[in-house]
Amino acid sequence: MILSLKTFAPSKLLAPYVTAIWDYEDLTGSDNLMLSILPDTATYLCFLYADLLQTTHKGGVYTTRSGLAGFQSFRSDLGGLGKVSGVSARITPWGLNVFRSGIVKDCAEKRVDCRDIFPRYSIEKIEDKLSNMRTAKERVQCVEDFLLAILNRDNEDLLIQKACRDLSASNGNYPIRMLAHNLGLTERTFERRFLNHVGATPKKYARVVRLRNAIFQRKTLSTWADVACAVGYYDQSHMIHDFQELYGISPESLYPQIDVSQTIQFSGLLNLNQTA
């Protein structure tokens, strides 16, 4: 099935904190397709204006309309309770704090109703506006206007931004103690600041980045043992353990879906039931 997902680049002012904005009029389709989001270090802020979305994550089930999914270290499964229509902002690992400070840790590993973190009336106003807009461009602009109105760059931490970029550039293989030292911080201070701005420890963040790199390396390497070696695992068994613990599925079962995915290159969104 082709996902009804349109991708828009954020405006210049939002670009340091938002990687993409998606519009979808019927995300799960008439067959109520079950989608998944693999851990990808991002935070997802979703404004829905039709029916409810049900998210299963680590044994918890969350039923919301507009909601926020913070940093996750395990796969989330998404299902619609009807027609799932909305606009989602894919926020950078460090970006949430500039839109709503002090909630990053509390939003990690769960989906939180937007009414619990923003004024209820403002969320209901956005949902109402979105439901009456005819085009994707109008809906995306509506969400951008909301984000720009609450943007507070005084709450960003440039050192943590750099740390995230350095960990991602190293594919999760930058020693945490060395990274802290190079940033001019003690390891303890670095971990505390990272957790407050990302919602995870640097070690957990690196683990997610390393495993995500592994699924893409398989395209160019002939065996999973070669992949494990290339991405920095001690051996193949350690990598398989991470696949099961973070994705809940084996590499062999996951890879065919990765190979035909429309969305995995730029996000964690994936249809685990699709076939080539």
C-alpha atoms as a PDB file:
ATOM      1  CA  MET A   1       0.000   0.000   0.000  1.00  0.00           C
ATOM      2  CA  ILE A   2       1.240   3.531  -0.800  1.00  0.00           C
ATOM      3  CA  LEU A   3       1.137   5.710   2.305  1.00  0.00           C
ATOM      4  CA  SER A   4      -0.932   8.889   1.934  1.00  0.00           C
ATOM      5  CA  LEU A   5       1.897  10.971   3.301  1.00  0.00           C
ATOM      6  CA  LYS A   6       3.045  14.315   1.919  1.00  0.00           C
ATOM      7  CA  THR A   7       6.367  15.677   3.166  1.00  0.00           C
ATOM      8  CA  PHE A   8       7.157  19.386   3.514  1.00  0.00           C
ATOM      9  CA  ALA A   9      10.419  21.087   4.467  1.00  0.00           C
ATOM     10  CA  PRO A  10      10.089  23.377   7.488  1.00  0.00           C
ATOM     11  CA  SER A  11      10.536  27.123   7.241  1.00  0.00           C
ATOM     12  CA  LYS A  12      13.986  28.598   7.792  1.00  0.00           C
ATOM     13  CA  LEU A  13      13.327  29.577  11.415  1.00  0.00           C
ATOM     14  CA  LEU A  14      12.056  26.104  12.299  1.00  0.00           C
ATOM     15  CA  ALA A  15      14.676  24.129  10.353  1.00  0.00           C
ATOM     16  CA  PRO A  16      17.208  23.854  13.243  1.00  0.00           C
ATOM     17  CA  TYR A  17      14.550  22.092  15.327  1.00  0.00           C
ATOM     18  CA  VAL A  18      12.206  20.396  12.837  1.00  0.00           C
ATOM     19  CA  THR A  19      13.445  18.045  10.113  1.00  0.00           C
ATOM     20  CA  ALA A  20      10.154  17.618   8.244  1.00  0.00           C
ATOM     21  CA  ILE A  21       6.411  18.210   8.439  1.00  0.00           C
ATOM     22  CA  TRP A  22       4.010  15.550   7.190  1.00  0.00           C
ATOM     23  CA  ASP A  23       0.422  15.903   6.063  1.00  0.00           C
ATOM     24  CA  TYR A  24      -1.832  12.864   5.782  1.00  0.00           C
ATOM     25  CA  GLU A  25      -5.555  12.627   5.110  1.00  0.00           C
ATOM     26  CA  ASP A  26      -5.914   8.905   5.814  1.00  0.00           C
ATOM     27  CA  LEU A  27      -2.659   7.559   7.248  1.00  0.00           C
ATOM     28  CA  THR A  28      -3.697   3.956   7.877  1.00  0.00           C
ATOM     29  CA  GLY A  29      -6.051   3.650   4.893  1.00  0.00           C
ATOM     30  CA  SER A  30      -9.357   1.892   4.513  1.00  0.00           C
ATOM     31  CA  ASP A  31      -7.741  -1.365   5.669  1.00  0.00           C
ATOM     32  CA  ASN A  32      -6.685   0.260   8.963  1.00  0.00           C
ATOM     33  CA  LEU A  33      -3.061  -0.515   8.174  1.00  0.00           C
ATOM     34  CA  MET A  34      -0.811  -1.144  11.179  1.00  0.00           C
ATOM     35  CA  LEU A  35       2.274   1.056  10.979  1.00  0.00           C
ATOM     36  CA  SER A  36       5.340   1.143  13.194  1.00  0.00           C
ATOM     37  CA  ILE A  37       7.912   3.747  14.166  1.00  0.00           C
ATOM     38  CA  LEU A  38      11.358   2.323  14.770  1.00  0.00           C
ATOM     39  CA  PRO A  39      13.559   4.256  17.218  1.00  0.00           C
ATOM     40  CA  ASP A  40      15.228   7.041  15.212  1.00  0.00           C
ATOM     41  CA  THR A  41      16.133   9.658  17.904  1.00  0.00           C
ATOM     42  CA  ALA A  42      13.362  12.040  16.784  1.00  0.00           C
ATOM     43  CA  THR A  43      10.334  13.383  18.651  1.00  0.00           C
ATOM     44  CA  TYR A  44       6.997  13.389  16.819  1.00  0.00           C
ATOM     45  CA  LEU A  45       4.417  16.119  17.469  1.00  0.00           C
ATOM     46  CA  CYS A  46       1.118  15.180  15.847  1.00  0.00           C
ATOM     47  CA  PHE A  47      -2.023  17.249  15.365  1.00  0.00           C
ATOM     48  CA  LEU A  48      -4.977  15.071  14.395  1.00  0.00           C
ATOM     49  CA  TYR A  49      -8.358  16.401  13.316  1.00  0.00           C
ATOM     50  CA  ALA A  50     -10.427  13.289  12.489  1.00  0.00           C
ATOM     51  CA  ASP A  51     -10.456  10.045  14.460  1.00  0.00           C
ATOM     52  CA  LEU A  52      -8.228   8.809  17.266  1.00  0.00           C
ATOM     53  CA  LEU A  53      -4.816   7.193  16.973  1.00  0.00           C
ATOM     54  CA  GLN A  54      -3.892   4.185  19.094  1.00  0.00           C
ATOM     55  CA  THR A  55      -0.200   3.697  19.918  1.00  0.00           C
ATOM     56  CA  THR A  56       1.290   0.592  21.533  1.00  0.00           C
ATOM     57  CA  HIS A  57       4.720   1.030  23.089  1.00  0.00           C
ATOM     58  CA  LYS A  58       6.507  -1.236  25.586  1.00  0.00           C
ATOM     59  CA  GLY A  59       3.239  -2.833  26.666  1.00  0.00           C
ATOM     60  CA  GLY A  60       1.475   0.503  27.154  1.00  0.00           C
ATOM     61  CA  VAL A  61      -1.480   1.472  24.961  1.00  0.00           C
ATOM     62  CA  TYR A  62      -2.149   5.185  24.352  1.00  0.00           C
ATOM     63  CA  THR A  63      -5.293   6.449  22.647  1.00  0.00           C
ATOM     64  CA  THR A  64      -5.125  10.114  21.710  1.00  0.00           C
ATOM     65  CA  ARG A  65      -6.054  12.624  19.068  1.00  0.00           C
ATOM     66  CA  SER A  66      -3.254  15.191  18.988  1.00  0.00           C
ATOM     67  CA  GLY A  67      -0.231  13.852  20.819  1.00  0.00           C
ATOM     68  CA  LEU A  68       3.524  13.929  21.291  1.00  0.00           C
ATOM     69  CA  ALA A  69       5.819  10.900  21.135  1.00  0.00           C
ATOM     70  CA  GLY A  70       9.143  11.633  22.833  1.00  0.00           C
ATOM     71  CA  PHE A  71      12.478   9.869  22.471  1.00  0.00           C
ATOM     72  CA  GLN A  72      11.907   6.148  22.181  1.00  0.00           C
ATOM     73  CA  SER A  73      14.235   3.208  22.503  1.00  0.00           C
ATOM     74  CA  PHE A  74      11.673   0.611  21.408  1.00  0.00           C
ATOM     75  CA  ARG A  75       9.375   0.283  18.423  1.00  0.00           C
ATOM     76  CA  SER A  76       5.936   1.895  18.591  1.00  0.00           C
ATOM     77  CA  ASP A  77       3.008   0.354  16.703  1.00  0.00           C
ATOM     78  CA  LEU A  78       0.317   2.675  15.357  1.00  0.00           C
ATOM     79  CA  GLY A  79      -3.282   1.861  14.521  1.00  0.00           C
ATOM     80  CA  GLY A  80      -6.272   4.015  13.699  1.00  0.00           C
ATOM     81  CA  LEU A  81      -9.671   3.991  15.352  1.00  0.00           C
ATOM     82  CA  GLY A  82     -11.196   5.196  12.117  1.00  0.00           C
ATOM     83  CA  LYS A  83      -9.702   7.740   9.728  1.00  0.00           C
ATOM     84  CA  VAL A  84      -6.361   9.106  10.959  1.00  0.00           C
ATOM     85  CA  SER A  85      -5.921  12.570   9.436  1.00  0.00           C
ATOM     86  CA  GLY A  86      -3.447  15.176  10.569  1.00  0.00           C
ATOM     87  CA  VAL A  87      -0.151  17.003  10.413  1.00  0.00           C
ATOM     88  CA  SER A  88       2.987  15.815  12.202  1.00  0.00           C
ATOM     89  CA  ALA A  89       6.235  17.630  12.875  1.00  0.00           C
ATOM     90  CA  ARG A  90       9.332  15.438  13.103  1.00  0.00           C
ATOM     91  CA  ILE A  91      11.388  17.268  15.703  1.00  0.00           C
ATOM     92  CA  THR A  92      15.158  16.955  16.033  1.00  0.00           C
ATOM     93  CA  PRO A  93      16.499  15.085  19.086  1.00  0.00           C
ATOM     94  CA  TRP A  94      17.295  18.404  20.785  1.00  0.00           C
ATOM     95  CA  GLY A  95      14.348  20.409  19.443  1.00  0.00           C
ATOM     96  CA  LEU A  96      11.456  19.849  21.832  1.00  0.00           C
ATOM     97  CA  ASN A  97      12.874  22.100  24.552  1.00  0.00           C
ATOM     98  CA  VAL A  98      12.527  25.242  22.407  1.00  0.00           C
ATOM     99  CA  PHE A  99       8.791  24.616  21.996  1.00  0.00           C
ATOM    100  CA  ARG A 100       8.016  23.471  25.543  1.00  0.00           C
ATOM    101  CA  SER A 101      10.775  23.425  28.116  1.00  0.00           C
ATOM    102  CA  GLY A 102      10.988  21.058  31.070  1.00  0.00           C
ATOM    103  CA  ILE A 103       8.940  18.174  29.647  1.00  0.00           C
ATOM    104  CA  VAL A 104      11.509  16.249  27.611  1.00  0.00           C
ATOM    105  CA  LYS A 105      12.252  13.537  30.185  1.00  0.00           C
ATOM    106  CA  ASP A 106       8.565  13.118  31.047  1.00  0.00           C
ATOM    107  CA  CYS A 107       7.637  12.561  27.383  1.00  0.00           C
ATOM    108  CA  ALA A 108      10.300   9.915  26.682  1.00  0.00           C
ATOM    109  CA  GLU A 109       9.164   6.352  25.988  1.00  0.00           C
ATOM    110  CA  LYS A 110       5.479   7.268  25.782  1.00  0.00           C
ATOM    111  CA  ARG A 111       2.829   9.175  23.844  1.00  0.00           C
ATOM    112  CA  VAL A 112       1.445  12.209  25.661  1.00  0.00           C
ATOM    113  CA  ASP A 113      -1.806  14.009  24.867  1.00  0.00           C
ATOM    114  CA  CYS A 114      -1.061  17.507  23.572  1.00  0.00           C
ATOM    115  CA  ARG A 115      -3.773  18.815  25.891  1.00  0.00           C
ATOM    116  CA  ASP A 116      -1.572  17.844  28.823  1.00  0.00           C
ATOM    117  CA  ILE A 117       1.461  19.848  27.662  1.00  0.00           C
ATOM    118  CA  PHE A 118      -0.046  22.832  25.817  1.00  0.00           C
ATOM    119  CA  PRO A 119      -3.123  24.946  26.647  1.00  0.00           C
ATOM    120  CA  ARG A 120      -6.167  22.836  25.873  1.00  0.00           C
ATOM    121  CA  TYR A 121      -7.939  25.623  23.981  1.00  0.00           C
ATOM    122  CA  SER A 122      -4.938  26.126  21.650  1.00  0.00           C
ATOM    123  CA  ILE A 123      -4.876  22.457  20.661  1.00  0.00           C
ATOM    124  CA  GLU A 124      -8.627  22.323  20.106  1.00  0.00           C
ATOM    125  CA  LYS A 125      -8.379  25.496  18.009  1.00  0.00           C
ATOM    126  CA  ILE A 126      -5.690  23.927  15.794  1.00  0.00           C
ATOM    127  CA  GLU A 127      -7.686  20.714  15.381  1.00  0.00           C
ATOM    128  CA  ASP A 128     -10.757  22.715  14.403  1.00  0.00           C
ATOM    129  CA  LYS A 129      -8.798  24.823  11.908  1.00  0.00           C
ATOM    130  CA  LEU A 130      -7.174  21.776  10.321  1.00  0.00           C
ATOM    131  CA  SER A 131     -10.521  20.045   9.846  1.00  0.00           C
ATOM    132  CA  ASN A 132     -11.795  22.996   7.806  1.00  0.00           C
ATOM    133  CA  MET A 133      -8.737  23.491   5.605  1.00  0.00           C
ATOM    134  CA  ARG A 134      -8.861  22.103   2.088  1.00  0.00           C
ATOM    135  CA  THR A 135      -5.193  21.730   1.175  1.00  0.00           C
ATOM    136  CA  ALA A 136      -2.105  20.164   2.690  1.00  0.00           C
ATOM    137  CA  LYS A 137      -0.206  23.429   2.272  1.00  0.00           C
ATOM    138  CA  GLU A 138      -2.758  25.303   4.381  1.00  0.00           C
ATOM    139  CA  ARG A 139      -2.675  22.662   7.110  1.00  0.00           C
ATOM    140  CA  VAL A 140       1.127  22.612   7.248  1.00  0.00           C
ATOM    141  CA  GLN A 141       1.202  26.410   7.457  1.00  0.00           C
ATOM    142  CA  CYS A 142      -1.260  26.272  10.355  1.00  0.00           C
ATOM    143  CA  VAL A 143       1.034  23.972  12.324  1.00  0.00           C
ATOM    144  CA  GLU A 144       4.095  26.037  11.433  1.00  0.00           C
ATOM    145  CA  ASP A 145       2.353  29.186  12.700  1.00  0.00           C
ATOM    146  CA  PHE A 146       1.683  27.457  16.024  1.00  0.00           C
ATOM    147  CA  LEU A 147       5.287  26.285  16.379  1.00  0.00           C
ATOM    148  CA  LEU A 148       6.679  29.699  15.483  1.00  0.00           C
ATOM    149  CA  ALA A 149       4.412  31.356  18.047  1.00  0.00           C
ATOM    150  CA  ILE A 150       5.761  29.189  20.898  1.00  0.00           C
ATOM    151  CA  LEU A 151       9.380  29.005  19.707  1.00  0.00           C
ATOM    152  CA  ASN A 152      11.838  30.148  22.377  1.00  0.00           C
ATOM    153  CA  ARG A 153      15.457  29.819  21.273  1.00  0.00           C
ATOM    154  CA  ASP A 154      16.667  30.804  24.753  1.00  0.00           C
ATOM    155  CA  ASN A 155      15.857  27.229  25.782  1.00  0.00           C
ATOM    156  CA  GLU A 156      18.223  25.553  23.319  1.00  0.00           C
ATOM    157  CA  ASP A 157      21.560  24.050  24.349  1.00  0.00           C
ATOM    158  CA  LEU A 158      24.102  24.370  21.542  1.00  0.00           C
ATOM    159  CA  LEU A 159      26.536  21.961  23.199  1.00  0.00           C
ATOM    160  CA  ILE A 160      23.891  19.240  23.275  1.00  0.00           C
ATOM    161  CA  GLN A 161      23.046  19.955  19.637  1.00  0.00           C
ATOM    162  CA  LYS A 162      26.698  19.429  18.783  1.00  0.00           C
ATOM    163  CA  ALA A 163      26.831  16.257  20.870  1.00  0.00           C
ATOM    164  CA  CYS A 164      23.840  14.799  18.999  1.00  0.00           C
ATOM    165  CA  ARG A 165      25.354  15.680  15.648  1.00  0.00           C
ATOM    166  CA  ASP A 166      28.737  14.200  16.627  1.00  0.00           C
ATOM    167  CA  LEU A 167      27.155  10.970  17.892  1.00  0.00           C
ATOM    168  CA  SER A 168      25.099  10.658  14.710  1.00  0.00           C
ATOM    169  CA  ALA A 169      28.089  11.438  12.478  1.00  0.00           C
ATOM    170  CA  SER A 170      30.070   8.680  14.213  1.00  0.00           C
ATOM    171  CA  ASN A 171      27.133   6.279  13.783  1.00  0.00           C
ATOM    172  CA  GLY A 172      26.967   5.918  17.537  1.00  0.00           C
ATOM    173  CA  ASN A 173      30.610   5.014  18.005  1.00  0.00           C
ATOM    174  CA  TYR A 174      31.957   8.162  19.683  1.00  0.00           C
ATOM    175  CA  PRO A 175      33.162   7.245  23.211  1.00  0.00           C
ATOM    176  CA  ILE A 176      30.966   9.154  25.654  1.00  0.00           C
ATOM    177  CA  ARG A 177      33.796  10.112  28.003  1.00  0.00           C
ATOM    178  CA  MET A 178      35.837  11.472  25.096  1.00  0.00           C
ATOM    179  CA  LEU A 179      32.851  13.383  23.726  1.00  0.00           C
ATOM    180  CA  ALA A 180      32.196  14.995  27.111  1.00  0.00           C
ATOM    181  CA  HIS A 181      35.862  15.966  27.391  1.00  0.00           C
ATOM    182  CA  ASN A 182      35.897  17.470  23.903  1.00  0.00           C
ATOM    183  CA  LEU A 183      32.826  19.525  24.798  1.00  0.00           C
ATOM    184  CA  GLY A 184      34.555  20.842  27.922  1.00  0.00           C
ATOM    185  CA  LEU A 185      32.194  19.054  30.330  1.00  0.00           C
ATOM    186  CA  THR A 186      32.558  16.415  32.995  1.00  0.00           C
ATOM    187  CA  GLU A 187      30.957  13.135  32.007  1.00  0.00           C
ATOM    188  CA  ARG A 188      28.338  13.484  34.753  1.00  0.00           C
ATOM    189  CA  THR A 189      27.388  17.042  33.744  1.00  0.00           C
ATOM    190  CA  PHE A 190      27.246  16.051  30.093  1.00  0.00           C
ATOM    191  CA  GLU A 191      24.930  13.111  30.781  1.00  0.00           C
ATOM    192  CA  ARG A 192      22.619  15.263  32.917  1.00  0.00           C
ATOM    193  CA  ARG A 193      22.343  18.019  30.300  1.00  0.00           C
ATOM    194  CA  PHE A 194      21.883  15.482  27.504  1.00  0.00           C
ATOM    195  CA  LEU A 195      19.088  13.709  29.384  1.00  0.00           C
ATOM    196  CA  ASN A 196      17.310  17.008  30.106  1.00  0.00           C
ATOM    197  CA  HIS A 197      17.354  18.083  26.445  1.00  0.00           C
ATOM    198  CA  VAL A 198      16.978  14.761  24.599  1.00  0.00           C
ATOM    199  CA  GLY A 199      15.104  12.487  27.005  1.00  0.00           C
ATOM    200  CA  ALA A 200      17.733   9.750  26.922  1.00  0.00           C
ATOM    201  CA  THR A 201      21.298   9.226  28.052  1.00  0.00           C
ATOM    202  CA  PRO A 202      24.089   9.662  25.479  1.00  0.00           C
ATOM    203  CA  LYS A 203      24.711   5.916  25.652  1.00  0.00           C
ATOM    204  CA  LYS A 204      21.100   5.088  24.819  1.00  0.00           C
ATOM    205  CA  TYR A 205      21.086   7.664  22.022  1.00  0.00           C
ATOM    206  CA  ALA A 206      24.257   6.131  20.556  1.00  0.00           C
ATOM    207  CA  ARG A 207      22.703   2.671  20.725  1.00  0.00           C
ATOM    208  CA  VAL A 208      19.689   3.798  18.686  1.00  0.00           C
ATOM    209  CA  VAL A 209      21.939   5.498  16.101  1.00  0.00           C
ATOM    210  CA  ARG A 210      24.201   2.445  15.770  1.00  0.00           C
ATOM    211  CA  LEU A 211      21.321   0.049  15.182  1.00  0.00           C
ATOM    212  CA  ARG A 212      19.659   2.356  12.674  1.00  0.00           C
ATOM    213  CA  ASN A 213      22.941   2.481  10.778  1.00  0.00           C
ATOM    214  CA  ALA A 214      23.034  -1.311  10.745  1.00  0.00           C
ATOM    215  CA  ILE A 215      19.773  -1.653   8.830  1.00  0.00           C
ATOM    216  CA  PHE A 216      21.111   0.565   6.043  1.00  0.00           C
ATOM    217  CA  GLN A 217      24.533  -1.095   5.896  1.00  0.00           C
ATOM    218  CA  ARG A 218      22.899  -4.406   4.989  1.00  0.00           C
ATOM    219  CA  LYS A 219      22.203  -3.018   1.505  1.00  0.00           C
ATOM    220  CA  THR A 220      25.911  -3.013   0.694  1.00  0.00           C
ATOM    221  CA  LEU A 221      27.230  -5.884   2.834  1.00  0.00           C
ATOM    222  CA  SER A 222      26.595  -9.550   2.149  1.00  0.00           C
ATOM    223  CA  THR A 223      25.992 -10.887   5.674  1.00  0.00           C
ATOM    224  CA  TRP A 224      24.736  -9.671   9.037  1.00  0.00           C
ATOM    225  CA  ALA A 225      28.080 -10.683  10.532  1.00  0.00           C
ATOM    226  CA  ASP A 226      29.752  -8.199   8.178  1.00  0.00           C
ATOM    227  CA  VAL A 227      27.215  -5.552   9.196  1.00  0.00           C
ATOM    228  CA  ALA A 228      27.871  -6.126  12.903  1.00  0.00           C
ATOM    229  CA  CYS A 229      31.586  -5.675  12.379  1.00  0.00           C
ATOM    230  CA  ALA A 230      31.172  -2.600  10.169  1.00  0.00           C
ATOM    231  CA  VAL A 231      28.908  -0.679  12.542  1.00  0.00           C
ATOM    232  CA  GLY A 232      30.900  -1.322  15.700  1.00  0.00           C
ATOM    233  CA  TYR A 233      29.305  -4.283  17.466  1.00  0.00           C
ATOM    234  CA  TYR A 234      31.512  -6.755  19.324  1.00  0.00           C
ATOM    235  CA  ASP A 235      29.919  -9.591  17.346  1.00  0.00           C
ATOM    236  CA  GLN A 236      26.750 -10.548  15.485  1.00  0.00           C
ATOM    237  CA  SER A 237      24.982 -11.893  18.588  1.00  0.00           C
ATOM    238  CA  HIS A 238      25.247  -8.499  20.302  1.00  0.00           C
ATOM    239  CA  MET A 239      23.699  -6.828  17.266  1.00  0.00           C
ATOM    240  CA  ILE A 240      20.854  -9.350  17.100  1.00  0.00           C
ATOM    241  CA  HIS A 241      20.205  -8.738  20.789  1.00  0.00           C
ATOM    242  CA  ASP A 242      19.770  -5.029  20.047  1.00  0.00           C
ATOM    243  CA  PHE A 243      17.411  -5.785  17.144  1.00  0.00           C
ATOM    244  CA  GLN A 244      15.186  -7.782  19.467  1.00  0.00           C
ATOM    245  CA  GLU A 245      15.415  -5.307  22.356  1.00  0.00           C
ATOM    246  CA  LEU A 246      14.875  -2.102  20.342  1.00  0.00           C
ATOM    247  CA  TYR A 247      12.850  -3.289  17.349  1.00  0.00           C
ATOM    248  CA  GLY A 248      11.207  -6.442  18.721  1.00  0.00           C
ATOM    249  CA  ILE A 249      12.064  -8.322  15.541  1.00  0.00           C
ATOM    250  CA  SER A 250      15.017 -10.186  14.045  1.00  0.00           C
ATOM    251  CA  PRO A 251      17.240  -8.645  11.335  1.00  0.00           C
ATOM    252  CA  GLU A 252      16.114 -11.259   8.821  1.00  0.00           C
ATOM    253  CA  SER A 253      12.445 -10.477   9.419  1.00  0.00           C
ATOM    254  CA  LEU A 254      12.914  -6.716   9.369  1.00  0.00           C
ATOM    255  CA  TYR A 255      15.169  -6.225   6.375  1.00  0.00           C
ATOM    256  CA  PRO A 256      12.692  -7.145   3.571  1.00  0.00           C
ATOM    257  CA  GLN A 257      10.361  -4.418   4.856  1.00  0.00           C
ATOM    258  CA  ILE A 258      13.212  -1.899   5.083  1.00  0.00           C
ATOM    259  CA  ASP A 259      14.157  -2.640   1.491  1.00  0.00           C
ATOM    260  CA  VAL A 260      10.764  -1.599   0.105  1.00  0.00           C
ATOM    261  CA  SER A 261       9.910   1.163   2.567  1.00  0.00           C
ATOM    262  CA  GLN A 262       8.993   4.620   1.253  1.00  0.00           C
ATOM    263  CA  THR A 263       9.701   6.363   4.547  1.00  0.00           C
ATOM    264  CA  ILE A 264      12.496   4.677   6.496  1.00  0.00           C
ATOM    265  CA  GLN A 265      15.282   6.690   4.876  1.00  0.00           C
ATOM    266  CA  PHE A 266      14.066   9.938   6.445  1.00  0.00           C
ATOM    267  CA  SER A 267      12.226   8.695   9.552  1.00  0.00           C
ATOM    268  CA  GLY A 268      11.404   5.669  11.646  1.00  0.00           C
ATOM    269  CA  LEU A 269       7.977   5.192  10.029  1.00  0.00           C
ATOM    270  CA  LEU A 270       7.553   1.741   8.527  1.00  0.00           C
ATOM    271  CA  ASN A 271       4.869  -0.673   7.399  1.00  0.00           C
ATOM    272  CA  LEU A 272       6.044  -4.000   8.811  1.00  0.00           C
ATOM    273  CA  ASN A 273       3.368  -5.885   6.872  1.00  0.00           C
ATOM    274  CA  GLN A 274       4.233  -4.638   3.399  1.00  0.00           C
ATOM    275  CA  THR A 275       5.753  -6.763   0.659  1.00  0.00           C
ATOM    276  CA  ALA A 276       7.715  -5.841  -2.431  1.00  0.00           C
END
